[in-house]
Structures are given as C-alpha cells and as structure tokens.
Protein backbone atom coordinates (compact mmCIF):
# COMPACT_ATOMS: atom_id res chain seq x y z
CA MET A 1 18.35 -10.91 2.99
CA SER A 2 14.88 -11.07 4.52
CA ALA A 3 11.74 -10.32 2.53
CA GLN A 4 9.94 -7.10 3.34
CA LEU A 5 6.30 -7.11 4.27
CA PRO A 6 4.12 -5.50 1.57
CA HIS A 7 3.09 -2.65 3.85
CA THR A 8 6.74 -1.84 4.59
CA ARG A 9 7.45 -1.44 0.87
CA LEU A 10 4.31 0.65 0.42
CA LEU A 11 5.28 3.02 3.23
CA GLU A 12 8.80 3.30 1.76
CA GLU A 13 7.28 4.16 -1.63
CA ALA A 14 5.04 6.77 -0.01
CA LYS A 15 8.09 8.24 1.72
CA SER A 16 10.22 8.29 -1.44
CA SER A 17 7.40 9.95 -3.39
CA GLY A 18 7.25 12.75 -0.80
CA LEU A 19 3.89 11.83 0.72
CA LEU A 20 5.36 11.46 4.20
CA ALA A 21 7.78 14.40 4.02
CA GLY A 22 7.46 17.58 6.03
CA ASP A 23 5.85 18.47 9.30
CA LYS A 24 2.94 16.39 10.49
CA THR A 25 0.38 19.15 10.85
CA ALA A 26 -2.76 17.48 9.49
CA HIS A 27 -5.03 15.96 12.11
CA VAL A 28 -7.48 13.12 11.48
CA SER A 29 -10.03 12.07 14.03
CA ILE A 30 -12.38 9.14 13.51
CA ARG A 31 -14.60 6.88 15.49
CA THR A 32 -14.53 3.21 14.61
CA THR A 33 -14.69 -0.12 16.35
CA GLY A 34 -11.81 -1.39 18.42
CA ALA A 35 -12.15 -4.69 16.60
CA LEU A 36 -11.35 -3.05 13.25
CA ILE A 37 -8.24 -1.34 14.62
CA ALA A 38 -7.10 -4.49 16.41
CA ALA A 39 -7.59 -6.68 13.33
CA ALA A 40 -5.69 -4.23 11.10
CA LYS A 41 -2.84 -4.01 13.59
CA GLU A 42 -2.69 -7.78 13.91
CA ARG A 43 -2.69 -8.32 10.16
CA THR A 44 0.03 -5.75 9.51
CA GLY A 45 2.07 -6.11 12.68
CA ILE A 46 1.86 -2.34 13.14
CA GLU A 47 1.47 -1.22 16.75
CA SER A 48 1.09 2.53 16.17
CA THR A 49 -2.38 3.77 15.22
CA THR A 50 -0.78 6.74 13.46
CA GLU A 51 1.38 4.46 11.30
CA LEU A 52 -1.65 2.26 10.60
CA VAL A 53 -3.66 5.26 9.35
CA GLU A 54 -0.68 6.44 7.26
CA LEU A 55 -0.56 2.98 5.67
CA ALA A 56 -4.28 3.11 4.90
CA LEU A 57 -4.00 6.57 3.35
CA ALA A 58 -0.86 5.62 1.38
CA THR A 59 -2.72 2.60 0.00
CA LEU A 60 -5.32 4.97 -1.43
CA ALA A 61 -2.88 7.67 -2.54
CA LEU A 62 -0.33 5.53 -4.41
CA PRO A 63 -1.06 3.91 -7.76
CA ASP A 64 -2.04 0.25 -7.72
CA PRO A 65 1.05 -1.76 -8.75
CA VAL A 66 -1.02 -4.54 -10.35
CA SER A 67 -2.90 -2.21 -12.68
CA ARG A 68 0.35 -0.35 -13.45
CA TYR A 69 1.98 -3.69 -14.40
CA MET A 70 -1.00 -4.68 -16.55
CA ILE A 71 -0.93 -1.36 -18.41
CA GLU A 72 2.84 -1.54 -18.93
CA THR A 73 2.79 -5.12 -20.20
CA TYR A 74 -0.45 -5.05 -22.22
CA GLY A 75 0.02 -6.81 -25.56
CA THR A 76 3.55 -8.04 -24.88
CA LEU A 77 2.76 -11.69 -25.53
CA GLY A 78 2.15 -10.99 -29.19
CA PRO A 79 -0.65 -12.04 -31.52
CA ASP A 80 0.75 -15.56 -32.11
CA HIS A 81 0.92 -16.55 -28.43
CA GLN A 82 -1.28 -19.53 -27.53
CA LEU A 83 -2.51 -20.09 -23.99
CA ASP A 84 -2.93 -23.69 -22.94
CA VAL A 85 -6.49 -24.13 -21.75
C-alpha cells in the first residue's frame, strides 16, 4: 500500500465532509504571479489550477489536525509524567 500525499488526504476529507459536493457554480477570479502558481503546483504535484485552488480553500475550511490532536490529548500524560530534558 502506497502512502498518500497530505493534500490527497485533505481533499478526500473535504469531499467526505460535503465541501466538494454539488454543482460547481461559484466562480473565483484572482490575479497573482505565475511563479506562485507554478511553485504551488510543483510542490503538490497538482496540474489543475482549479484543483489547486480547491486544495487551498479546503486547507482554510477544514480544522487543523494538529490543534485537534493537541486538544483531544491534552493532559493525557498525567501529573506524574517526567520528561527527560
């Protein structure tokens, strides 16, 4: 089994939460540098500008998994746990 890229999992989470369901009727138009788009596509491996923008919006719309993990596990080590410093 191959590991999924983080953006693939994020887009799947956005889809399963209903953020990508329904007709695509919203239109977004921006002006930005070609270098920014090219660098983002290179880093993610995404070729479609539409999918790249969906990834960017999903990143903002979905909860941060790190902060969710920290909230869920806060205090689980217990008061007697010693960290080696």
